[in-house]
PDB file of N, CA and C in Angstrom:
ATOM      1  N   MET A   1       2.202 -17.132  56.365  1.00  0.00           N
ATOM      2  CA  MET A   1       1.942 -15.822  55.813  1.00  0.00           C
ATOM      3  C   MET A   1       1.022 -15.033  56.719  1.00  0.00           C
ATOM      4  N   GLN A   2       1.265 -13.791  56.719  1.00  0.00           N
ATOM      5  CA  GLN A   2       0.417 -12.931  57.537  1.00  0.00           C
ATOM      6  C   GLN A   2      -0.755 -12.423  56.715  1.00  0.00           C
ATOM      7  N   LYS A   3      -1.757 -11.985  57.426  1.00  0.00           N
ATOM      8  CA  LYS A   3      -2.977 -11.515  56.788  1.00  0.00           C
ATOM      9  C   LYS A   3      -2.700 -10.362  55.815  1.00  0.00           C
ATOM     10  N   GLY A   4      -1.790  -9.480  56.140  1.00  0.00           N
ATOM     11  CA  GLY A   4      -1.437  -8.339  55.288  1.00  0.00           C
ATOM     12  C   GLY A   4      -0.786  -8.777  53.987  1.00  0.00           C
ATOM     13  N   GLU A   5       0.080  -9.813  54.081  1.00  0.00           N
ATOM     14  CA  GLU A   5       0.759 -10.313  52.885  1.00  0.00           C
ATOM     15  C   GLU A   5      -0.238 -10.961  51.928  1.00  0.00           C
ATOM     16  N   ILE A   6      -1.188 -11.700  52.466  1.00  0.00           N
ATOM     17  CA  ILE A   6      -2.208 -12.343  51.635  1.00  0.00           C
ATOM     18  C   ILE A   6      -3.043 -11.285  50.929  1.00  0.00           C
ATOM     19  N   HIS A   7      -3.380 -10.235  51.660  1.00  0.00           N
ATOM     20  CA  HIS A   7      -4.162  -9.142  51.076  1.00  0.00           C
ATOM     21  C   HIS A   7      -3.380  -8.478  49.945  1.00  0.00           C
ATOM     22  N   MET A   8      -2.072  -8.247  50.133  1.00  0.00           N
ATOM     23  CA  MET A   8      -1.234  -7.612  49.116  1.00  0.00           C
ATOM     24  C   MET A   8      -1.121  -8.508  47.876  1.00  0.00           C
ATOM     25  N   ARG A   9      -0.965  -9.816  48.079  1.00  0.00           N
ATOM     26  CA  ARG A   9      -0.867 -10.739  46.945  1.00  0.00           C
ATOM     27  C   ARG A   9      -2.166 -10.746  46.145  1.00  0.00           C
ATOM     28  N   LYS A  10      -3.300 -10.742  46.824  1.00  0.00           N
ATOM     29  CA  LYS A  10      -4.587 -10.692  46.132  1.00  0.00           C
ATOM     30  C   LYS A  10      -4.707  -9.390  45.342  1.00  0.00           C
ATOM     31  N   LYS A  11      -4.262  -8.311  45.946  1.00  0.00           N
ATOM     32  CA  LYS A  11      -4.324  -7.003  45.308  1.00  0.00           C
ATOM     33  C   LYS A  11      -3.466  -6.993  44.045  1.00  0.00           C
ATOM     34  N   TYR A  12      -2.240  -7.525  44.127  1.00  0.00           N
ATOM     35  CA  TYR A  12      -1.360  -7.586  42.967  1.00  0.00           C
ATOM     36  C   TYR A  12      -1.889  -8.556  41.919  1.00  0.00           C
ATOM     37  N   SER A  13      -2.489  -9.655  42.344  1.00  0.00           N
ATOM     38  CA  SER A  13      -3.061 -10.625  41.407  1.00  0.00           C
ATOM     39  C   SER A  13      -4.199  -9.999  40.617  1.00  0.00           C
ATOM     40  N   ILE A  14      -5.044  -9.275  41.289  1.00  0.00           N
ATOM     41  CA  ILE A  14      -6.156  -8.594  40.611  1.00  0.00           C
ATOM     42  C   ILE A  14      -5.613  -7.545  39.646  1.00  0.00           C
ATOM     43  N   GLY A  15      -4.595  -6.821  40.071  1.00  0.00           N
ATOM     44  CA  GLY A  15      -3.976  -5.818  39.198  1.00  0.00           C
ATOM     45  C   GLY A  15      -3.366  -6.455  37.957  1.00  0.00           C
ATOM     46  N   LEU A  16      -2.709  -7.591  38.138  1.00  0.00           N
ATOM     47  CA  LEU A  16      -2.112  -8.299  37.009  1.00  0.00           C
ATOM     48  C   LEU A  16      -3.179  -8.802  36.052  1.00  0.00           C
ATOM     49  N   ILE A  17      -4.258  -9.330  36.569  1.00  0.00           N
ATOM     50  CA  ILE A  17      -5.359  -9.807  35.722  1.00  0.00           C
ATOM     51  C   ILE A  17      -5.964  -8.649  34.935  1.00  0.00           C
ATOM     52  N   ILE A  18      -6.156  -7.519  35.582  1.00  0.00           N
ATOM     53  CA  ILE A  18      -6.704  -6.339  34.893  1.00  0.00           C
ATOM     54  C   ILE A  18      -5.736  -5.867  33.802  1.00  0.00           C
ATOM     55  N   PHE A  19      -4.444  -5.852  34.127  1.00  0.00           N
ATOM     56  CA  PHE A  19      -3.440  -5.438  33.142  1.00  0.00           C
ATOM     57  C   PHE A  19      -3.459  -6.363  31.923  1.00  0.00           C
ATOM     58  N   ILE A  20      -3.502  -7.663  32.132  1.00  0.00           N
ATOM     59  CA  ILE A  20      -3.532  -8.626  31.027  1.00  0.00           C
ATOM     60  C   ILE A  20      -4.797  -8.442  30.197  1.00  0.00           C
ATOM     61  N   PHE A  21      -5.922  -8.239  30.861  1.00  0.00           N
ATOM     62  CA  PHE A  21      -7.184  -8.006  30.156  1.00  0.00           C
ATOM     63  C   PHE A  21      -7.100  -6.759  29.279  1.00  0.00           C
ATOM     64  N   ILE A  22      -6.567  -5.686  29.819  1.00  0.00           N
ATOM     65  CA  ILE A  22      -6.437  -4.433  29.056  1.00  0.00           C
ATOM     66  C   ILE A  22      -5.467  -4.621  27.895  1.00  0.00           C
ATOM     67  N   ALA A  23      -4.367  -5.352  28.099  1.00  0.00           N
ATOM     68  CA  ALA A  23      -3.400  -5.592  27.024  1.00  0.00           C
ATOM     69  C   ALA A  23      -4.039  -6.392  25.891  1.00  0.00           C
ATOM     70  N   ILE A  24      -4.795  -7.432  26.245  1.00  0.00           N
ATOM     71  CA  ILE A  24      -5.474  -8.238  25.220  1.00  0.00           C
ATOM     72  C   ILE A  24      -6.507  -7.388  24.484  1.00  0.00           C
ATOM     73  N   LEU A  25      -7.240  -6.586  25.208  1.00  0.00           N
ATOM     74  CA  LEU A  25      -8.222  -5.694  24.596  1.00  0.00           C
ATOM     75  C   LEU A  25      -7.545  -4.723  23.628  1.00  0.00           C
ATOM     76  N   ALA A  26      -6.401  -4.177  24.008  1.00  0.00           N
ATOM     77  CA  ALA A  26      -5.670  -3.251  23.140  1.00  0.00           C
ATOM     78  C   ALA A  26      -5.213  -3.948  21.864  1.00  0.00           C
ATOM     79  N   VAL A  27      -4.704  -5.163  21.986  1.00  0.00           N
ATOM     80  CA  VAL A  27      -4.261  -5.908  20.805  1.00  0.00           C
ATOM     81  C   VAL A  27      -5.435  -6.173  19.866  1.00  0.00           C
ATOM     82  N   VAL A  28      -6.561  -6.575  20.407  1.00  0.00           N
ATOM     83  CA  VAL A  28      -7.754  -6.831  19.591  1.00  0.00           C
ATOM     84  C   VAL A  28      -8.211  -5.555  18.895  1.00  0.00           C
ATOM     85  N   LEU A  29      -8.227  -4.448  19.601  1.00  0.00           N
ATOM     86  CA  LEU A  29      -8.650  -3.178  18.995  1.00  0.00           C
ATOM     87  C   LEU A  29      -7.702  -2.743  17.888  1.00  0.00           C
ATOM     88  N   ILE A  30      -6.411  -2.874  18.119  1.00  0.00           N
ATOM     89  CA  ILE A  30      -5.424  -2.507  17.091  1.00  0.00           C
ATOM     90  C   ILE A  30      -5.602  -3.385  15.852  1.00  0.00           C
ATOM     91  N   TYR A  31      -5.809  -4.682  16.060  1.00  0.00           N
ATOM     92  CA  TYR A  31      -6.024  -5.589  14.937  1.00  0.00           C
ATOM     93  C   TYR A  31      -7.265  -5.177  14.145  1.00  0.00           C
ATOM     94  N   ARG A  32      -8.354  -4.913  14.860  1.00  0.00           N
ATOM     95  CA  ARG A  32      -9.598  -4.550  14.172  1.00  0.00           C
ATOM     96  C   ARG A  32      -9.446  -3.241  13.402  1.00  0.00           C
ATOM     97  N   ILE A  33      -8.772  -2.287  13.983  1.00  0.00           N
ATOM     98  CA  ILE A  33      -8.554  -1.009  13.289  1.00  0.00           C
ATOM     99  C   ILE A  33      -7.736  -1.229  12.025  1.00  0.00           C
ATOM    100  N   SER A  34      -6.654  -1.995  12.127  1.00  0.00           N
ATOM    101  CA  SER A  34      -5.822  -2.230  10.947  1.00  0.00           C
ATOM    102  C   SER A  34      -6.580  -3.044   9.897  1.00  0.00           C
ATOM    103  N   TYR A  35      -7.391  -3.992  10.333  1.00  0.00           N
ATOM    104  CA  TYR A  35      -8.184  -4.796   9.401  1.00  0.00           C
ATOM    105  C   TYR A  35      -9.168  -3.912   8.643  1.00  0.00           C
ATOM    106  N   TYR A  36      -9.897  -3.076   9.344  1.00  0.00           N
ATOM    107  CA  TYR A  36     -10.877  -2.231   8.677  1.00  0.00           C
ATOM    108  C   TYR A  36     -10.220  -1.148   7.830  1.00  0.00           C
ATOM    109  N   THR A  37      -9.046  -0.697   8.221  1.00  0.00           N
ATOM    110  CA  THR A  37      -8.308   0.256   7.394  1.00  0.00           C
ATOM    111  C   THR A  37      -7.899  -0.402   6.084  1.00  0.00           C
ATOM    112  N   ALA A  38      -7.378  -1.624   6.153  1.00  0.00           N
ATOM    113  CA  ALA A  38      -6.995  -2.353   4.945  1.00  0.00           C
ATOM    114  C   ALA A  38      -8.213  -2.625   4.073  1.00  0.00           C
ATOM    115  N   LEU A  39      -9.312  -2.986   4.681  1.00  0.00           N
ATOM    116  CA  LEU A  39     -10.547  -3.245   3.944  1.00  0.00           C
ATOM    117  C   LEU A  39     -11.022  -1.981   3.238  1.00  0.00           C
ATOM    118  N   ARG A  40     -10.974  -0.858   3.934  1.00  0.00           N
ATOM    119  CA  ARG A  40     -11.380   0.421   3.338  1.00  0.00           C
ATOM    120  C   ARG A  40     -10.486   0.771   2.151  1.00  0.00           C
ATOM    121  N   ASP A  41      -9.160   0.555   2.289  1.00  0.00           N
ATOM    122  CA  ASP A  41      -8.234   0.828   1.193  1.00  0.00           C
ATOM    123  C   ASP A  41      -8.537  -0.046  -0.022  1.00  0.00           C
ATOM    124  N   MET A  42      -8.860  -1.308   0.222  1.00  0.00           N
ATOM    125  CA  MET A  42      -9.191  -2.202  -0.880  1.00  0.00           C
ATOM    126  C   MET A  42     -10.479  -1.748  -1.566  1.00  0.00           C
ATOM    127  N   GLU A  43     -11.449  -1.306  -0.790  1.00  0.00           N
ATOM    128  CA  GLU A  43     -12.699  -0.813  -1.374  1.00  0.00           C
ATOM    129  C   GLU A  43     -12.442   0.439  -2.201  1.00  0.00           C
ATOM    130  N   GLU A  44     -11.581   1.337  -1.704  1.00  0.00           N
ATOM    131  CA  GLU A  44     -11.255   2.548  -2.450  1.00  0.00           C
ATOM    132  C   GLU A  44     -10.562   2.207  -3.760  1.00  0.00           C
ATOM    133  N   ASP A  45      -9.635   1.247  -3.722  1.00  0.00           N
ATOM    134  CA  ASP A  45      -8.950   0.824  -4.945  1.00  0.00           C
ATOM    135  C   ASP A  45      -9.931   0.262  -5.957  1.00  0.00           C
ATOM    136  N   LEU A  46     -10.835  -0.595  -5.484  1.00  0.00           N
ATOM    137  CA  LEU A  46     -11.826  -1.192  -6.369  1.00  0.00           C
ATOM    138  C   LEU A  46     -12.744  -0.131  -6.949  1.00  0.00           C
ATOM    139  N   LEU A  47     -13.185   0.789  -6.118  1.00  0.00           N
ATOM    140  CA  LEU A  47     -14.051   1.865  -6.590  1.00  0.00           C
ATOM    141  C   LEU A  47     -13.328   2.723  -7.616  1.00  0.00           C
ATOM    142  N   GLU A  48     -12.064   3.032  -7.356  1.00  0.00           N
ATOM    143  CA  GLU A  48     -11.283   3.832  -8.298  1.00  0.00           C
ATOM    144  C   GLU A  48     -11.146   3.104  -9.630  1.00  0.00           C
ATOM    145  N   GLU A  49     -10.908   1.814  -9.590  1.00  0.00           N
ATOM    146  CA  GLU A  49     -10.782   1.042 -10.820  1.00  0.00           C
ATOM    147  C   GLU A  49     -12.103   0.972 -11.567  1.00  0.00           C
ATOM    148  N   LEU A  50     -13.202   0.822 -10.840  1.00  0.00           N
ATOM    149  CA  LEU A  50     -14.510   0.736 -11.498  1.00  0.00           C
ATOM    150  C   LEU A  50     -14.931   2.062 -12.105  1.00  0.00           C
ATOM    151  N   THR A  51     -14.611   3.171 -11.452  1.00  0.00           N
ATOM    152  CA  THR A  51     -15.015   4.469 -11.977  1.00  0.00           C
ATOM    153  C   THR A  51     -14.090   4.937 -13.092  1.00  0.00           C
ATOM    154  N   ASP A  52     -12.893   4.363 -13.165  1.00  0.00           N
ATOM    155  CA  ASP A  52     -11.924   4.785 -14.176  1.00  0.00           C
ATOM    156  C   ASP A  52     -11.766   3.765 -15.298  1.00  0.00           C
ATOM    157  N   LEU A  53     -12.817   3.001 -15.589  1.00  0.00           N
ATOM    158  CA  LEU A  53     -12.679   1.973 -16.619  1.00  0.00           C
ATOM    159  C   LEU A  53     -12.300   2.571 -17.971  1.00  0.00           C
ATOM    160  N   ASP A  54     -12.799   3.759 -18.268  1.00  0.00           N
ATOM    161  CA  ASP A  54     -12.461   4.408 -19.535  1.00  0.00           C
ATOM    162  C   ASP A  54     -11.174   5.218 -19.433  1.00  0.00           C
ATOM    163  N   ASP A  55     -10.730   5.493 -18.233  1.00  0.00           N
ATOM    164  CA  ASP A  55      -9.513   6.254 -18.023  1.00  0.00           C
ATOM    165  C   ASP A  55      -8.395   5.289 -17.674  1.00  0.00           C
ATOM    166  N   TYR A  56      -7.515   5.070 -18.610  1.00  0.00           N
ATOM    167  CA  TYR A  56      -6.363   4.231 -18.340  1.00  0.00           C
ATOM    168  C   TYR A  56      -5.145   4.902 -18.945  1.00  0.00           C
ATOM    169  N   TYR A  57      -4.004   4.357 -18.664  1.00  0.00           N
ATOM    170  CA  TYR A  57      -2.745   4.978 -19.037  1.00  0.00           C
ATOM    171  C   TYR A  57      -1.809   3.934 -19.621  1.00  0.00           C
ATOM    172  N   PHE A  58      -0.783   4.419 -20.292  1.00  0.00           N
ATOM    173  CA  PHE A  58       0.272   3.547 -20.789  1.00  0.00           C
ATOM    174  C   PHE A  58       1.608   4.065 -20.291  1.00  0.00           C
ATOM    175  N   ILE A  59       2.417   3.152 -19.829  1.00  0.00           N
ATOM    176  CA  ILE A  59       3.789   3.493 -19.456  1.00  0.00           C
ATOM    177  C   ILE A  59       4.659   2.979 -20.588  1.00  0.00           C
ATOM    178  N   LYS A  60       5.405   3.886 -21.194  1.00  0.00           N
ATOM    179  CA  LYS A  60       6.182   3.544 -22.384  1.00  0.00           C
ATOM    180  C   LYS A  60       7.555   4.219 -22.333  1.00  0.00           C
ATOM    181  N   GLU A  61       8.379   3.807 -23.266  1.00  0.00           N
ATOM    182  CA  GLU A  61       9.703   4.400 -23.432  1.00  0.00           C
ATOM    183  C   GLU A  61       9.592   5.610 -24.356  1.00  0.00           C
ATOM    184  N   ASN A  62      10.297   6.679 -24.008  1.00  0.00           N
ATOM    185  CA  ASN A  62      10.338   7.874 -24.845  1.00  0.00           C
ATOM    186  C   ASN A  62      11.729   8.479 -24.716  1.00  0.00           C
ATOM    187  N   ASN A  63      12.477   8.458 -25.806  1.00  0.00           N
ATOM    188  CA  ASN A  63      13.839   9.015 -25.835  1.00  0.00           C
ATOM    189  C   ASN A  63      14.716   8.457 -24.728  1.00  0.00           C
ATOM    190  N   GLY A  64      14.582   7.169 -24.465  1.00  0.00           N
ATOM    191  CA  GLY A  64      15.437   6.510 -23.483  1.00  0.00           C
ATOM    192  C   GLY A  64      14.962   6.618 -22.041  1.00  0.00           C
ATOM    193  N   TYR A  65      13.811   7.222 -21.815  1.00  0.00           N
ATOM    194  CA  TYR A  65      13.281   7.381 -20.459  1.00  0.00           C
ATOM    195  C   TYR A  65      11.858   6.831 -20.376  1.00  0.00           C
ATOM    196  N   VAL A  66      11.460   6.492 -19.165  1.00  0.00           N
ATOM    197  CA  VAL A  66      10.102   6.025 -18.919  1.00  0.00           C
ATOM    198  C   VAL A  66       9.167   7.229 -18.946  1.00  0.00           C
ATOM    199  N   THR A  67       8.073   7.103 -19.690  1.00  0.00           N
ATOM    200  CA  THR A  67       7.099   8.184 -19.811  1.00  0.00           C
ATOM    201  C   THR A  67       5.700   7.587 -19.669  1.00  0.00           C
ATOM    202  N   VAL A  68       4.822   8.326 -19.033  1.00  0.00           N
ATOM    203  CA  VAL A  68       3.443   7.879 -18.838  1.00  0.00           C
ATOM    204  C   VAL A  68       2.551   8.673 -19.789  1.00  0.00           C
ATOM    205  N   TYR A  69       1.714   7.926 -20.513  1.00  0.00           N
ATOM    206  CA  TYR A  69       0.803   8.527 -21.477  1.00  0.00           C
ATOM    207  C   TYR A  69      -0.640   8.265 -21.070  1.00  0.00           C
ATOM    208  N   TYR A  70      -1.522   9.144 -21.564  1.00  0.00           N
ATOM    209  CA  TYR A  70      -2.952   8.877 -21.426  1.00  0.00           C
ATOM    210  C   TYR A  70      -3.324   7.722 -22.356  1.00  0.00           C
ATOM    211  N   ALA A  71      -4.584   7.321 -22.337  1.00  0.00           N
ATOM    212  CA  ALA A  71      -5.055   6.159 -23.094  1.00  0.00           C
ATOM    213  C   ALA A  71      -4.807   6.291 -24.594  1.00  0.00           C
ATOM    214  N   ASP A  72      -4.742   7.501 -25.106  1.00  0.00           N
ATOM    215  CA  ASP A  72      -4.525   7.670 -26.550  1.00  0.00           C
ATOM    216  C   ASP A  72      -3.097   7.337 -26.979  1.00  0.00           C
ATOM    217  N   GLU A  73      -2.222   7.117 -26.003  1.00  0.00           N
ATOM    218  CA  GLU A  73      -0.813   6.762 -26.198  1.00  0.00           C
ATOM    219  C   GLU A  73       0.002   7.844 -26.903  1.00  0.00           C
ATOM    220  N   GLU A  74      -0.561   9.045 -26.994  1.00  0.00           N
ATOM    221  CA  GLU A  74       0.160  10.165 -27.606  1.00  0.00           C
ATOM    222  C   GLU A  74       0.311  11.333 -26.638  1.00  0.00           C
ATOM    223  N   THR A  75      -0.714  11.577 -25.840  1.00  0.00           N
ATOM    224  CA  THR A  75      -0.698  12.698 -24.905  1.00  0.00           C
ATOM    225  C   THR A  75       0.041  12.262 -23.643  1.00  0.00           C
ATOM    226  N   VAL A  76       1.067  13.045 -23.285  1.00  0.00           N
ATOM    227  CA  VAL A  76       1.895  12.697 -22.127  1.00  0.00           C
ATOM    228  C   VAL A  76       1.177  13.071 -20.842  1.00  0.00           C
ATOM    229  N   TYR A  77       1.088  12.117 -19.947  1.00  0.00           N
ATOM    230  CA  TYR A  77       0.559  12.358 -18.605  1.00  0.00           C
ATOM    231  C   TYR A  77       1.694  12.829 -17.701  1.00  0.00           C
ATOM    232  N   GLU A  78       2.863  12.165 -17.794  1.00  0.00           N
ATOM    233  CA  GLU A  78       3.992  12.550 -16.953  1.00  0.00           C
ATOM    234  C   GLU A  78       5.306  12.031 -17.543  1.00  0.00           C
ATOM    235  N   TYR A  79       6.272  12.923 -17.586  1.00  0.00           N
ATOM    236  CA  TYR A  79       7.631  12.530 -17.936  1.00  0.00           C
ATOM    237  C   TYR A  79       8.331  12.085 -16.654  1.00  0.00           C
ATOM    238  N   THR A  80       9.259  11.146 -16.762  1.00  0.00           N
ATOM    239  CA  THR A  80      10.029  10.736 -15.590  1.00  0.00           C
ATOM    240  C   THR A  80      11.513  10.864 -15.904  1.00  0.00           C
ATOM    241  N   SER A  81      12.318  10.751 -14.881  1.00  0.00           N
ATOM    242  CA  SER A  81      13.777  10.775 -15.058  1.00  0.00           C
ATOM    243  C   SER A  81      14.349   9.364 -14.909  1.00  0.00           C
ATOM    244  N   ILE A  82      13.519   8.355 -15.137  1.00  0.00           N
ATOM    245  CA  ILE A  82      13.947   6.960 -15.004  1.00  0.00           C
ATOM    246  C   ILE A  82      14.500   6.487 -16.350  1.00  0.00           C
ATOM    247  N   PRO A  83      15.806   6.246 -16.439  1.00  0.00           N
ATOM    248  CA  PRO A  83      16.386   5.764 -17.697  1.00  0.00           C
ATOM    249  C   PRO A  83      15.969   4.320 -17.974  1.00  0.00           C
ATOM    250  N   MET A  84      15.636   4.047 -19.209  1.00  0.00           N
ATOM    251  CA  MET A  84      15.248   2.691 -19.599  1.00  0.00           C
ATOM    252  C   MET A  84      16.371   1.701 -19.347  1.00  0.00           C
ATOM    253  N   GLU A  85      17.603   2.129 -19.566  1.00  0.00           N
ATOM    254  CA  GLU A  85      18.749   1.220 -19.447  1.00  0.00           C
ATOM    255  C   GLU A  85      18.944   0.691 -18.029  1.00  0.00           C
ATOM    256  N   GLU A  86      18.361   1.356 -17.034  1.00  0.00           N
ATOM    257  CA  GLU A  86      18.496   0.903 -15.652  1.00  0.00           C
ATOM    258  C   GLU A  86      17.422  -0.111 -15.250  1.00  0.00           C
ATOM    259  N   LEU A  87      16.468  -0.349 -16.133  1.00  0.00           N
ATOM    260  CA  LEU A  87      15.384  -1.292 -15.838  1.00  0.00           C
ATOM    261  C   LEU A  87      15.790  -2.706 -16.240  1.00  0.00           C
ATOM    262  N   PRO A  88      15.188  -3.708 -15.597  1.00  0.00           N
ATOM    263  CA  PRO A  88      15.432  -5.085 -16.031  1.00  0.00           C
ATOM    264  C   PRO A  88      14.997  -5.270 -17.493  1.00  0.00           C
ATOM    265  N   ILE A  89      15.654  -6.174 -18.194  1.00  0.00           N
ATOM    266  CA  ILE A  89      15.392  -6.393 -19.623  1.00  0.00           C
ATOM    267  C   ILE A  89      13.915  -6.705 -19.878  1.00  0.00           C
ATOM    268  N   GLY A  90      13.316  -7.540 -19.038  1.00  0.00           N
ATOM    269  CA  GLY A  90      11.899  -7.880 -19.221  1.00  0.00           C
ATOM    270  C   GLY A  90      10.996  -6.659 -19.156  1.00  0.00           C
ATOM    271  N   ILE A  91      11.279  -5.765 -18.225  1.00  0.00           N
ATOM    272  CA  ILE A  91      10.487  -4.530 -18.095  1.00  0.00           C
ATOM    273  C   ILE A  91      10.744  -3.623 -19.295  1.00  0.00           C
ATOM    274  N   GLN A  92      11.998  -3.548 -19.745  1.00  0.00           N
ATOM    275  CA  GLN A  92      12.317  -2.731 -20.930  1.00  0.00           C
ATOM    276  C   GLN A  92      11.496  -3.199 -22.131  1.00  0.00           C
ATOM    277  N   ASN A  93      11.455  -4.504 -22.342  1.00  0.00           N
ATOM    278  CA  ASN A  93      10.696  -5.049 -23.475  1.00  0.00           C
ATOM    279  C   ASN A  93       9.202  -4.750 -23.333  1.00  0.00           C
ATOM    280  N   GLU A  94       8.704  -4.857 -22.104  1.00  0.00           N
ATOM    281  CA  GLU A  94       7.289  -4.569 -21.851  1.00  0.00           C
ATOM    282  C   GLU A  94       6.971  -3.104 -22.141  1.00  0.00           C
ATOM    283  N   LEU A  95       7.861  -2.202 -21.733  1.00  0.00           N
ATOM    284  CA  LEU A  95       7.607  -0.773 -21.927  1.00  0.00           C
ATOM    285  C   LEU A  95       7.789  -0.352 -23.377  1.00  0.00           C
ATOM    286  N   LYS A  96       8.597  -1.072 -24.135  1.00  0.00           N
ATOM    287  CA  LYS A  96       8.738  -0.747 -25.564  1.00  0.00           C
ATOM    288  C   LYS A  96       7.412  -0.954 -26.283  1.00  0.00           C
ATOM    289  N   LYS A  97       6.644  -1.956 -25.848  1.00  0.00           N
ATOM    290  CA  LYS A  97       5.315  -2.208 -26.421  1.00  0.00           C
ATOM    291  C   LYS A  97       4.265  -1.298 -25.776  1.00  0.00           C
ATOM    292  N   GLY A  98       4.517  -0.911 -24.525  1.00  0.00           N
ATOM    293  CA  GLY A  98       3.562  -0.104 -23.770  1.00  0.00           C
ATOM    294  C   GLY A  98       2.862  -0.940 -22.729  1.00  0.00           C
ATOM    295  N   LYS A  99       2.995  -0.551 -21.493  1.00  0.00           N
ATOM    296  CA  LYS A  99       2.363  -1.263 -20.377  1.00  0.00           C
ATOM    297  C   LYS A  99       1.115  -0.498 -19.975  1.00  0.00           C
ATOM    298  N   ARG A 100      -0.031  -1.145 -20.092  1.00  0.00           N
ATOM    299  CA  ARG A 100      -1.292  -0.503 -19.714  1.00  0.00           C
ATOM    300  C   ARG A 100      -1.467  -0.588 -18.207  1.00  0.00           C
ATOM    301  N   VAL A 101      -1.842   0.533 -17.598  1.00  0.00           N
ATOM    302  CA  VAL A 101      -2.204   0.573 -16.182  1.00  0.00           C
ATOM    303  C   VAL A 101      -3.547   1.278 -16.068  1.00  0.00           C
ATOM    304  N   ASN A 102      -4.332   0.863 -15.084  1.00  0.00           N
ATOM    305  CA  ASN A 102      -5.711   1.350 -15.004  1.00  0.00           C
ATOM    306  C   ASN A 102      -5.913   2.517 -14.054  1.00  0.00           C
ATOM    307  N   THR A 103      -5.001   2.720 -13.121  1.00  0.00           N
ATOM    308  CA  THR A 103      -5.210   3.784 -12.134  1.00  0.00           C
ATOM    309  C   THR A 103      -3.931   4.577 -11.923  1.00  0.00           C
ATOM    310  N   VAL A 104      -4.107   5.769 -11.412  1.00  0.00           N
ATOM    311  CA  VAL A 104      -2.963   6.607 -11.072  1.00  0.00           C
ATOM    312  C   VAL A 104      -2.149   5.948  -9.956  1.00  0.00           C
ATOM    313  N   ARG A 105      -2.815   5.283  -9.051  1.00  0.00           N
ATOM    314  CA  ARG A 105      -2.110   4.583  -7.963  1.00  0.00           C
ATOM    315  C   ARG A 105      -1.184   3.514  -8.531  1.00  0.00           C
ATOM    316  N   GLN A 106      -1.632   2.798  -9.566  1.00  0.00           N
ATOM    317  CA  GLN A 106      -0.779   1.787 -10.198  1.00  0.00           C
ATOM    318  C   GLN A 106       0.417   2.433 -10.896  1.00  0.00           C
ATOM    319  N   ILE A 107       0.189   3.592 -11.497  1.00  0.00           N
ATOM    320  CA  ILE A 107       1.305   4.309 -12.141  1.00  0.00           C
ATOM    321  C   ILE A 107       2.383   4.592 -11.119  1.00  0.00           C
ATOM    322  N   TYR A 108       1.991   5.218 -10.016  1.00  0.00           N
ATOM    323  CA  TYR A 108       2.982   5.624  -9.028  1.00  0.00           C
ATOM    324  C   TYR A 108       3.577   4.439  -8.288  1.00  0.00           C
ATOM    325  N   GLY A 109       2.829   3.359  -8.174  1.00  0.00           N
ATOM    326  CA  GLY A 109       3.399   2.144  -7.613  1.00  0.00           C
ATOM    327  C   GLY A 109       4.507   1.607  -8.496  1.00  0.00           C
ATOM    328  N   PHE A 110       4.269   1.589  -9.801  1.00  0.00           N
ATOM    329  CA  PHE A 110       5.268   1.132 -10.758  1.00  0.00           C
ATOM    330  C   PHE A 110       6.488   2.052 -10.730  1.00  0.00           C
ATOM    331  N   LEU A 111       6.243   3.350 -10.827  1.00  0.00           N
ATOM    332  CA  LEU A 111       7.349   4.309 -10.868  1.00  0.00           C
ATOM    333  C   LEU A 111       8.176   4.269  -9.587  1.00  0.00           C
ATOM    334  N   GLU A 112       7.507   4.105  -8.462  1.00  0.00           N
ATOM    335  CA  GLU A 112       8.218   4.044  -7.185  1.00  0.00           C
ATOM    336  C   GLU A 112       9.152   2.838  -7.125  1.00  0.00           C
ATOM    337  N   ASN A 113       8.731   1.739  -7.724  1.00  0.00           N
ATOM    338  CA  ASN A 113       9.559   0.531  -7.723  1.00  0.00           C
ATOM    339  C   ASN A 113      10.837   0.693  -8.526  1.00  0.00           C
ATOM    340  N   TYR A 114      10.806   1.546  -9.553  1.00  0.00           N
ATOM    341  CA  TYR A 114      11.950   1.632 -10.448  1.00  0.00           C
ATOM    342  C   TYR A 114      12.676   2.973 -10.414  1.00  0.00           C
ATOM    343  N   SER A 115      12.246   3.898  -9.570  1.00  0.00           N
ATOM    344  CA  SER A 115      12.975   5.162  -9.452  1.00  0.00           C
ATOM    345  C   SER A 115      14.095   4.992  -8.446  1.00  0.00           C
ATOM    346  N   SER A 116      15.137   5.802  -8.611  1.00  0.00           N
ATOM    347  CA  SER A 116      16.291   5.642  -7.699  1.00  0.00           C
ATOM    348  C   SER A 116      16.228   6.547  -6.513  1.00  0.00           C
TER     349      SER A 116
END
């Protein structure tokens, strides 16, 4: 090998090492960002649940459709266009009695699962 080739190989080796280091650093940073984002979301959910202990809702059947009520089970929070007949039997039975949910996020999570 000539002196120039050895110099070029060292140069490329150093470049490759730097590239690998930067790639590993990027992966670690992305992981940490996603971890702290998930942690923050969990804290927000917990805080929302703790501050809304007196504010809860019921998801029930009304005239063949899923309807969300405030805690008094009489005042409608939201009407939906989700027919009861399209829900699994177990969910239908649960909603006939009334399914209690503690947060608005839980309401929309439930509705999103069963809307078409």
